[in-house]
C-alpha atoms as a PDB file:
ATOM      1  CA  MET A   1      34.298 264.615  68.366  1.00  0.00           C
ATOM      2  CA  ILE A   2      33.231 267.207  65.557  1.00  0.00           C
ATOM      3  CA  SER A   3      29.514 269.018  66.384  1.00  0.00           C
ATOM      4  CA  LEU A   4      26.874 268.744  64.274  1.00  0.00           C
ATOM      5  CA  ASP A   5      26.397 272.692  62.157  1.00  0.00           C
ATOM      6  CA  PRO A   6      23.244 272.901  60.021  1.00  0.00           C
ATOM      7  CA  ASP A   7      25.312 275.690  57.711  1.00  0.00           C
ATOM      8  CA  LYS A   8      28.026 272.890  57.258  1.00  0.00           C
ATOM      9  CA  ILE A   9      25.347 271.118  56.844  1.00  0.00           C
ATOM     10  CA  ARG A  10      23.267 273.370  53.644  1.00  0.00           C
ATOM     11  CA  ALA A  11      26.040 274.455  52.140  1.00  0.00           C
ATOM     12  CA  ASN A  12      25.837 273.875  48.621  1.00  0.00           C
ATOM     13  CA  LEU A  13      23.241 270.960  49.519  1.00  0.00           C
ATOM     14  CA  LYS A  14      22.378 269.687  45.733  1.00  0.00           C
ATOM     15  CA  THR A  15      18.579 269.131  46.876  1.00  0.00           C
ATOM     16  CA  ARG A  16      16.385 270.933  46.025  1.00  0.00           C
ATOM     17  CA  HIS A  17      13.524 271.163  49.268  1.00  0.00           C
ATOM     18  CA  ILE A  18      14.890 267.778  51.110  1.00  0.00           C
ATOM     19  CA  GLY A  19      17.608 269.991  54.109  1.00  0.00           C
ATOM     20  CA  ARG A  20      16.256 273.004  52.832  1.00  0.00           C
ATOM     21  CA  LYS A  21      15.775 273.650  56.800  1.00  0.00           C
ATOM     22  CA  VAL A  22      18.215 272.203  58.448  1.00  0.00           C
ATOM     23  CA  VAL A  23      17.143 272.497  62.526  1.00  0.00           C
ATOM     24  CA  VAL A  24      20.164 270.929  65.051  1.00  0.00           C
ATOM     25  CA  TYR A  25      19.312 270.440  68.760  1.00  0.00           C
ATOM     26  CA  ASN A  26      21.981 269.831  71.409  1.00  0.00           C
ATOM     27  CA  SER A  27      19.723 267.495  73.428  1.00  0.00           C
ATOM     28  CA  THR A  28      15.833 266.350  72.883  1.00  0.00           C
ATOM     29  CA  ALA A  29      13.417 263.479  73.491  1.00  0.00           C
ATOM     30  CA  SER A  30      12.723 262.317  70.603  1.00  0.00           C
ATOM     31  CA  THR A  31      13.499 264.282  66.776  1.00  0.00           C
ATOM     32  CA  ASN A  32      10.625 262.549  65.239  1.00  0.00           C
ATOM     33  CA  ASP A  33       8.588 264.726  68.511  1.00  0.00           C
ATOM     34  CA  ILE A  34      10.111 267.771  66.976  1.00  0.00           C
ATOM     35  CA  ALA A  35       9.528 267.655  63.287  1.00  0.00           C
ATOM     36  CA  GLY A  36       5.812 266.158  64.593  1.00  0.00           C
ATOM     37  CA  GLU A  37       5.316 269.599  66.025  1.00  0.00           C
ATOM     38  CA  TYR A  38       6.777 271.074  62.772  1.00  0.00           C
ATOM     39  CA  ALA A  39       4.282 269.606  60.337  1.00  0.00           C
ATOM     40  CA  ARG A  40       1.156 271.486  62.183  1.00  0.00           C
ATOM     41  CA  ASN A  41       2.581 273.767  58.957  1.00  0.00           C
ATOM     42  CA  LYS A  42       2.684 272.215  55.534  1.00  0.00           C
ATOM     43  CA  ALA A  43       5.040 274.868  53.819  1.00  0.00           C
ATOM     44  CA  ASN A  44       7.795 272.188  56.043  1.00  0.00           C
ATOM     45  CA  ASP A  45       8.673 270.566  53.732  1.00  0.00           C
ATOM     46  CA  GLY A  46      11.459 268.939  53.445  1.00  0.00           C
ATOM     47  CA  LEU A  47      12.576 270.212  57.091  1.00  0.00           C
ATOM     48  CA  VAL A  48      15.544 268.153  58.763  1.00  0.00           C
ATOM     49  CA  VAL A  49      15.789 268.061  62.590  1.00  0.00           C
ATOM     50  CA  LEU A  50      19.271 266.906  63.806  1.00  0.00           C
ATOM     51  CA  ALA A  51      20.322 265.723  67.660  1.00  0.00           C
ATOM     52  CA  GLU A  52      23.411 265.057  69.117  1.00  0.00           C
ATOM     53  CA  GLU A  53      21.271 263.015  71.409  1.00  0.00           C
ATOM     54  CA  GLN A  54      18.074 261.711  72.457  1.00  0.00           C
ATOM     55  CA  ARG A  55      16.893 260.935  75.526  1.00  0.00           C
ATOM     56  CA  GLY A  56      13.718 259.302  74.060  1.00  0.00           C
ATOM     57  CA  GLY A  57      13.923 258.244  71.336  1.00  0.00           C
ATOM     58  CA  ARG A  58      12.585 254.993  69.800  1.00  0.00           C
ATOM     59  CA  GLY A  59      12.289 252.366  67.184  1.00  0.00           C
ATOM     60  CA  ARG A  60       9.819 250.002  65.534  1.00  0.00           C
ATOM     61  CA  GLY A  61       7.536 248.981  68.342  1.00  0.00           C
ATOM     62  CA  GLY A  62       8.182 250.521  71.145  1.00  0.00           C
ATOM     63  CA  ASN A  63      11.776 249.798  71.111  1.00  0.00           C
ATOM     64  CA  LYS A  64      13.825 252.295  72.209  1.00  0.00           C
ATOM     65  CA  TRP A  65      16.916 253.709  70.534  1.00  0.00           C
ATOM     66  CA  VAL A  66      20.144 253.330  72.484  1.00  0.00           C
ATOM     67  CA  SER A  67      22.711 256.960  72.207  1.00  0.00           C
ATOM     68  CA  SER A  68      25.346 258.207  73.937  1.00  0.00           C
ATOM     69  CA  TYR A  69      25.891 262.014  72.734  1.00  0.00           C
ATOM     70  CA  GLY A  70      27.489 262.902  69.658  1.00  0.00           C
ATOM     71  CA  GLN A  71      27.742 258.861  68.607  1.00  0.00           C
ATOM     72  CA  SER A  72      25.449 258.460  65.691  1.00  0.00           C
ATOM     73  CA  VAL A  73      23.326 260.634  63.137  1.00  0.00           C
ATOM     74  CA  LEU A  74      19.736 261.214  64.735  1.00  0.00           C
ATOM     75  CA  CYS A  75      17.807 261.842  62.109  1.00  0.00           C
ATOM     76  CA  SER A  76      14.279 262.959  60.998  1.00  0.00           C
ATOM     77  CA  ILE A  77      13.097 264.702  57.899  1.00  0.00           C
ATOM     78  CA  LEU A  78       9.585 265.850  57.000  1.00  0.00           C
ATOM     79  CA  LEU A  79       7.435 265.296  54.444  1.00  0.00           C
ATOM     80  CA  THR A  80       4.100 267.022  53.871  1.00  0.00           C
ATOM     81  CA  GLU A  81       3.933 266.703  50.225  1.00  0.00           C
ATOM     82  CA  SER A  82       4.522 263.139  49.238  1.00  0.00           C
ATOM     83  CA  GLY A  83       2.365 260.923  47.433  1.00  0.00           C
ATOM     84  CA  LEU A  84       3.877 258.080  48.149  1.00  0.00           C
ATOM     85  CA  ASN A  85       1.578 255.064  49.927  1.00  0.00           C
ATOM     86  CA  ALA A  86       2.429 253.658  53.591  1.00  0.00           C
ATOM     87  CA  GLU A  87       4.684 250.607  52.174  1.00  0.00           C
ATOM     88  CA  LEU A  88       6.796 251.918  49.617  1.00  0.00           C
ATOM     89  CA  LEU A  89       7.522 255.038  51.728  1.00  0.00           C
ATOM     90  CA  PRO A  90       9.836 252.894  54.017  1.00  0.00           C
ATOM     91  CA  LEU A  91      11.202 250.692  51.360  1.00  0.00           C
ATOM     92  CA  THR A  92      12.690 254.099  49.852  1.00  0.00           C
ATOM     93  CA  ILE A  93      14.014 255.377  52.502  1.00  0.00           C
ATOM     94  CA  ALA A  94      15.740 251.944  53.314  1.00  0.00           C
ATOM     95  CA  VAL A  95      17.368 252.094  49.954  1.00  0.00           C
ATOM     96  CA  ALA A  96      18.361 256.008  49.873  1.00  0.00           C
ATOM     97  CA  THR A  97      19.843 254.988  53.467  1.00  0.00           C
ATOM     98  CA  ALA A  98      21.764 251.755  52.538  1.00  0.00           C
ATOM     99  CA  GLU A  99      23.201 253.780  49.835  1.00  0.00           C
ATOM    100  CA  ALA A 100      24.072 256.802  52.006  1.00  0.00           C
ATOM    101  CA  ILE A 101      26.397 254.489  54.729  1.00  0.00           C
ATOM    102  CA  GLY A 102      27.765 252.105  52.077  1.00  0.00           C
ATOM    103  CA  LYS A 103      28.852 255.231  50.200  1.00  0.00           C
ATOM    104  CA  CYS A 104      30.426 256.337  53.443  1.00  0.00           C
ATOM    105  CA  ALA A 105      31.602 252.944  54.507  1.00  0.00           C
ATOM    106  CA  LYS A 106      33.426 251.689  51.067  1.00  0.00           C
ATOM    107  CA  ALA A 107      31.257 248.668  51.362  1.00  0.00           C
ATOM    108  CA  GLU A 108      27.581 247.518  50.548  1.00  0.00           C
ATOM    109  CA  ALA A 109      25.050 248.377  52.926  1.00  0.00           C
ATOM    110  CA  LYS A 110      21.757 245.779  53.110  1.00  0.00           C
ATOM    111  CA  ILE A 111      18.477 246.329  54.177  1.00  0.00           C
ATOM    112  CA  LYS A 112      16.344 243.546  56.363  1.00  0.00           C
ATOM    113  CA  TRP A 113      12.723 244.338  55.819  1.00  0.00           C
ATOM    114  CA  PRO A 114      11.316 246.074  57.292  1.00  0.00           C
ATOM    115  CA  ASN A 115      13.565 248.709  58.959  1.00  0.00           C
ATOM    116  CA  ASP A 116      16.940 248.067  59.138  1.00  0.00           C
ATOM    117  CA  ILE A 117      20.073 248.972  57.567  1.00  0.00           C
ATOM    118  CA  ILE A 118      23.205 246.042  57.753  1.00  0.00           C
ATOM    119  CA  LEU A 119      26.776 246.548  57.683  1.00  0.00           C
ATOM    120  CA  ASN A 120      28.773 243.073  57.780  1.00  0.00           C
ATOM    121  CA  ASN A 121      25.664 241.414  58.834  1.00  0.00           C
ATOM    122  CA  LYS A 122      25.018 243.545  61.754  1.00  0.00           C
ATOM    123  CA  LYS A 123      22.515 246.274  62.504  1.00  0.00           C
ATOM    124  CA  VAL A 124      24.032 249.517  61.489  1.00  0.00           C
ATOM    125  CA  ALA A 125      20.968 251.668  60.888  1.00  0.00           C
ATOM    126  CA  GLY A 126      17.262 251.878  61.564  1.00  0.00           C
ATOM    127  CA  ILE A 127      14.128 253.733  60.648  1.00  0.00           C
ATOM    128  CA  LEU A 128      10.827 254.570  61.798  1.00  0.00           C
ATOM    129  CA  VAL A 129       8.419 256.517  59.368  1.00  0.00           C
ATOM    130  CA  GLU A 130       5.686 258.074  61.468  1.00  0.00           C
ATOM    131  CA  SER A 131       2.056 259.717  59.738  1.00  0.00           C
ATOM    132  CA  SER A 132      -0.321 262.284  60.867  1.00  0.00           C
ATOM    133  CA  LYS A 133      -3.388 263.890  59.444  1.00  0.00           C
ATOM    134  CA  HIS A 134      -3.718 267.897  59.151  1.00  0.00           C
ATOM    135  CA  GLY A 135      -6.287 270.857  57.811  1.00  0.00           C
ATOM    136  CA  PRO A 136      -8.052 273.228  58.665  1.00  0.00           C
ATOM    137  CA  SER A 137     -10.688 271.846  60.491  1.00  0.00           C
ATOM    138  CA  ALA A 138     -11.966 268.292  60.807  1.00  0.00           C
ATOM    139  CA  THR A 139     -15.102 268.688  59.061  1.00  0.00           C
ATOM    140  CA  LEU A 140     -13.629 270.052  56.559  1.00  0.00           C
ATOM    141  CA  ARG A 141     -11.877 268.690  52.743  1.00  0.00           C
ATOM    142  CA  THR A 142      -9.689 271.238  51.882  1.00  0.00           C
ATOM    143  CA  GLY A 143      -6.894 271.218  52.774  1.00  0.00           C
ATOM    144  CA  LYS A 144      -6.189 268.153  53.991  1.00  0.00           C
ATOM    145  CA  TYR A 145      -2.753 266.744  53.622  1.00  0.00           C
ATOM    146  CA  THR A 146      -0.273 263.340  55.825  1.00  0.00           C
ATOM    147  CA  ALA A 147       2.695 264.481  57.184  1.00  0.00           C
ATOM    148  CA  ASN A 148       5.295 262.003  57.275  1.00  0.00           C
ATOM    149  CA  VAL A 149       8.224 261.706  59.392  1.00  0.00           C
ATOM    150  CA  ILE A 150      11.594 259.591  58.665  1.00  0.00           C
ATOM    151  CA  GLY A 151      13.448 258.857  61.810  1.00  0.00           C
ATOM    152  CA  ILE A 152      16.863 257.381  60.817  1.00  0.00           C
ATOM    153  CA  GLY A 153      19.145 256.684  63.638  1.00  0.00           C
ATOM    154  CA  ILE A 154      22.161 255.454  62.603  1.00  0.00           C
ATOM    155  CA  ASN A 155      25.371 254.656  64.845  1.00  0.00           C
ATOM    156  CA  CYS A 156      28.114 256.046  63.494  1.00  0.00           C
ATOM    157  CA  HIS A 157      31.067 256.238  66.427  1.00  0.00           C
ATOM    158  CA  GLN A 158      30.185 253.618  69.102  1.00  0.00           C
ATOM    159  CA  GLN A 159      32.393 250.980  70.025  1.00  0.00           C
ATOM    160  CA  LYS A 160      31.799 247.767  71.313  1.00  0.00           C
ATOM    161  CA  THR A 161      31.733 248.233  74.675  1.00  0.00           C
ATOM    162  CA  ASP A 162      29.309 251.596  74.234  1.00  0.00           C
ATOM    163  CA  PHE A 163      26.450 248.570  73.099  1.00  0.00           C
ATOM    164  CA  PRO A 164      24.678 246.859  75.786  1.00  0.00           C
ATOM    165  CA  ALA A 165      26.375 243.626  76.842  1.00  0.00           C
ATOM    166  CA  GLU A 166      23.020 242.360  74.648  1.00  0.00           C
ATOM    167  CA  LEU A 167      23.260 243.955  71.241  1.00  0.00           C
ATOM    168  CA  ARG A 168      27.794 243.363  71.308  1.00  0.00           C
ATOM    169  CA  LYS A 169      27.137 240.532  68.548  1.00  0.00           C
ATOM    170  CA  THR A 170      23.969 242.202  66.306  1.00  0.00           C
ATOM    171  CA  ALA A 171      24.247 245.450  66.227  1.00  0.00           C
ATOM    172  CA  THR A 172      28.066 247.385  65.234  1.00  0.00           C
ATOM    173  CA  SER A 173      28.662 251.344  64.017  1.00  0.00           C
ATOM    174  CA  ILE A 174      30.401 252.622  60.852  1.00  0.00           C
ATOM    175  CA  ASP A 175      33.762 253.771  62.980  1.00  0.00           C
ATOM    176  CA  ILE A 176      33.748 249.755  63.907  1.00  0.00           C
ATOM    177  CA  GLU A 177      33.603 248.217  60.473  1.00  0.00           C
ATOM    178  CA  THR A 178      35.710 250.934  58.412  1.00  0.00           C
ATOM    179  CA  GLY A 179      38.213 251.245  61.192  1.00  0.00           C
ATOM    180  CA  ALA A 180      38.137 255.135  60.760  1.00  0.00           C
ATOM    181  CA  VAL A 181      36.149 257.872  62.199  1.00  0.00           C
ATOM    182  CA  VAL A 182      33.426 259.079  59.674  1.00  0.00           C
ATOM    183  CA  ASP A 183      32.911 262.237  59.140  1.00  0.00           C
ATOM    184  CA  ARG A 184      28.923 262.271  60.393  1.00  0.00           C
ATOM    185  CA  ILE A 185      28.354 266.151  58.522  1.00  0.00           C
ATOM    186  CA  SER A 186      29.237 264.361  54.828  1.00  0.00           C
ATOM    187  CA  LEU A 187      26.793 261.009  55.942  1.00  0.00           C
ATOM    188  CA  ILE A 188      23.787 263.433  56.849  1.00  0.00           C
ATOM    189  CA  ARG A 189      24.729 265.010  53.037  1.00  0.00           C
ATOM    190  CA  ARG A 190      25.246 262.550  51.874  1.00  0.00           C
ATOM    191  CA  LEU A 191      21.442 260.840  53.266  1.00  0.00           C
ATOM    192  CA  LEU A 192      20.090 263.900  52.579  1.00  0.00           C
ATOM    193  CA  VAL A 193      21.308 264.314  48.604  1.00  0.00           C
ATOM    194  CA  SER A 194      19.726 260.386  47.963  1.00  0.00           C
ATOM    195  CA  VAL A 195      16.470 260.695  50.161  1.00  0.00           C
ATOM    196  CA  GLU A 196      15.692 263.056  47.691  1.00  0.00           C
ATOM    197  CA  HIS A 197      17.229 260.631  44.467  1.00  0.00           C
ATOM    198  CA  TRP A 198      15.299 258.108  45.812  1.00  0.00           C
ATOM    199  CA  LEU A 199      12.039 259.508  46.643  1.00  0.00           C
ATOM    200  CA  ASP A 200      11.844 261.447  43.420  1.00  0.00           C
ATOM    201  CA  ALA A 201      12.328 258.527  41.518  1.00  0.00           C
ATOM    202  CA  ALA A 202       9.434 256.439  44.038  1.00  0.00           C
ATOM    203  CA  GLU A 203       7.072 259.177  42.772  1.00  0.00           C
ATOM    204  CA  LYS A 204       7.809 258.349  38.509  1.00  0.00           C
ATOM    205  CA  LYS A 205       9.145 254.671  38.090  1.00  0.00           C
ATOM    206  CA  PRO A 206       8.411 252.954  41.753  1.00  0.00           C
ATOM    207  CA  GLN A 207       9.420 249.681  40.160  1.00  0.00           C
ATOM    208  CA  LYS A 208      13.107 251.382  40.119  1.00  0.00           C
ATOM    209  CA  VAL A 209      12.973 251.179  43.975  1.00  0.00           C
ATOM    210  CA  ILE A 210      11.787 247.786  44.152  1.00  0.00           C
ATOM    211  CA  ASP A 211      14.407 246.497  42.056  1.00  0.00           C
ATOM    212  CA  ARG A 212      16.813 247.923  43.897  1.00  0.00           C
ATOM    213  CA  TRP A 213      15.539 247.140  47.292  1.00  0.00           C
ATOM    214  CA  GLN A 214      14.960 243.765  45.991  1.00  0.00           C
ATOM    215  CA  LYS A 215      19.178 243.286  45.646  1.00  0.00           C
ATOM    216  CA  LEU A 216      19.613 245.561  48.780  1.00  0.00           C
ATOM    217  CA  SER A 217      17.629 242.566  50.845  1.00  0.00           C
ATOM    218  CA  THR A 218      19.263 240.144  52.947  1.00  0.00           C
ATOM    219  CA  GLN A 219      15.745 238.008  53.452  1.00  0.00           C
ATOM    220  CA  LEU A 220      15.619 238.024  49.350  1.00  0.00           C
ATOM    221  CA  HIS A 221      15.477 234.432  48.222  1.00  0.00           C
ATOM    222  CA  HIS A 222      15.940 232.906  52.043  1.00  0.00           C
ATOM    223  CA  ARG A 223      13.546 231.257  54.546  1.00  0.00           C
ATOM    224  CA  VAL A 224      11.851 234.008  56.802  1.00  0.00           C
ATOM    225  CA  ALA A 225      10.212 233.763  60.191  1.00  0.00           C
ATOM    226  CA  VAL A 226       7.371 236.495  60.514  1.00  0.00           C
ATOM    227  CA  ILE A 227       4.956 237.028  63.358  1.00  0.00           C
ATOM    228  CA  TYR A 228       1.696 238.697  62.296  1.00  0.00           C
ATOM    229  CA  ASN A 229      -1.429 239.273  64.486  1.00  0.00           C
ATOM    230  CA  ARG A 230      -0.057 236.561  67.017  1.00  0.00           C
ATOM    231  CA  LYS A 231       0.738 233.765  64.676  1.00  0.00           C
ATOM    232  CA  ARG A 232       4.140 232.722  63.537  1.00  0.00           C
ATOM    233  CA  PHE A 233       4.290 232.678  59.552  1.00  0.00           C
ATOM    234  CA  THR A 234       7.419 230.373  57.486  1.00  0.00           C
ATOM    235  CA  GLY A 235       7.932 230.945  54.371  1.00  0.00           C
ATOM    236  CA  ASN A 236      10.288 231.452  51.474  1.00  0.00           C
ATOM    237  CA  CYS A 237      10.092 235.377  51.255  1.00  0.00           C
ATOM    238  CA  ILE A 238       9.950 235.750  47.077  1.00  0.00           C
ATOM    239  CA  GLY A 239       9.657 239.771  46.837  1.00  0.00           C
ATOM    240  CA  VAL A 240       7.839 242.400  47.908  1.00  0.00           C
ATOM    241  CA  ASP A 241       4.914 244.680  46.938  1.00  0.00           C
ATOM    242  CA  PRO A 242       4.776 248.184  47.783  1.00  0.00           C
ATOM    243  CA  GLN A 243       1.333 248.334  47.987  1.00  0.00           C
ATOM    244  CA  GLN A 244       0.982 245.424  50.342  1.00  0.00           C
ATOM    245  CA  GLY A 245       4.272 243.967  52.027  1.00  0.00           C
ATOM    246  CA  LEU A 246       6.667 241.182  52.209  1.00  0.00           C
ATOM    247  CA  ILE A 247       5.827 238.409  49.989  1.00  0.00           C
ATOM    248  CA  LEU A 248       6.368 234.869  51.136  1.00  0.00           C
ATOM    249  CA  GLN A 249       5.851 231.656  49.672  1.00  0.00           C
ATOM    250  CA  LEU A 250       4.847 229.467  52.533  1.00  0.00           C
ATOM    251  CA  ASP A 251       6.192 226.726  53.794  1.00  0.00           C
ATOM    252  CA  THR A 252       2.961 225.676  54.268  1.00  0.00           C
ATOM    253  CA  GLY A 253       1.312 226.067  50.985  1.00  0.00           C
ATOM    254  CA  GLY A 254       0.208 229.422  49.020  1.00  0.00           C
ATOM    255  CA  ILE A 255       1.775 233.220  48.548  1.00  0.00           C
ATOM    256  CA  ARG A 256       0.632 235.945  51.553  1.00  0.00           C
ATOM    257  CA  MET A 257       1.472 238.916  51.828  1.00  0.00           C
ATOM    258  CA  PHE A 258       2.324 240.545  55.038  1.00  0.00           C
ATOM    259  CA  HIS A 259       2.453 244.264  55.199  1.00  0.00           C
ATOM    260  CA  ALA A 260       4.947 245.572  57.531  1.00  0.00           C
ATOM    261  CA  ALA A 261       3.166 248.000  60.052  1.00  0.00           C
ATOM    262  CA  GLN A 262       1.526 244.927  61.234  1.00  0.00           C
ATOM    263  CA  THR A 263       4.257 242.462  60.581  1.00  0.00           C
ATOM    264  CA  THR A 264       6.918 241.537  62.883  1.00  0.00           C
ATOM    265  CA  ILE A 265      10.314 238.894  61.979  1.00  0.00           C
ATOM    266  CA  ALA A 266      10.840 236.035  63.958  1.00  0.00           C
ATOM    267  CA  LYS A 267      13.948 233.793  63.550  1.00  0.00           C
ATOM    268  CA  ALA A 268      13.554 231.405  61.545  1.00  0.00           C
ATOM    269  CA  ASN A 269      14.193 227.556  62.696  1.00  0.00           C
END
């Protein structure tokens, strides 16, 4: 296993601000928590926090992200100057992550809304975006900003036996799918370049992100079941809206949109 090296990650990195500063921890509770501390200073925009091991990694909905030492890319990217809304940002990061993984795996990685990256029909990565408000004073409007911490976990070196028994049918790693050992440093560099590229695209032409997301979606034009406010809805996925979320043509008739923050994907009958 080759250890993560911030100097090698940053060397000739073709980005303007993502990865201007890279910090690597041997072990930490959560890279998102560390990036959240850096978020107190707006000048830390583009900071990347990496760890060989997380003791308290988390996924969406409070789920734990399981990863042993040196097996994954455990990455948090701090954005303090992004103007993207809460729905478009995760879509953008999903596209960027899927493309970076696809290039390394030499196979098209897909997106399962709202936060999973799929390789050969199994989950290889997950995304968790957390936001917080900052500013000099709660009573002053000037100087206030929203910080977004983008957590990305990518399974790299795991073998089937490394996953808990209940996940072996649904989870995978890049090594499993390629039969080779992925270079995590190269993958991280690709990821950072891809994130910056798609963030720029989302700022200038958000429809470009939506179009690419739809091409990579595992759910578009398929029957989907979701849980929203403890109620189950089923229907055909007909698209995604950058403001409102997933769009379903409901089995009961009509069209409805579901925000990612309040919605969970369930198994369709």
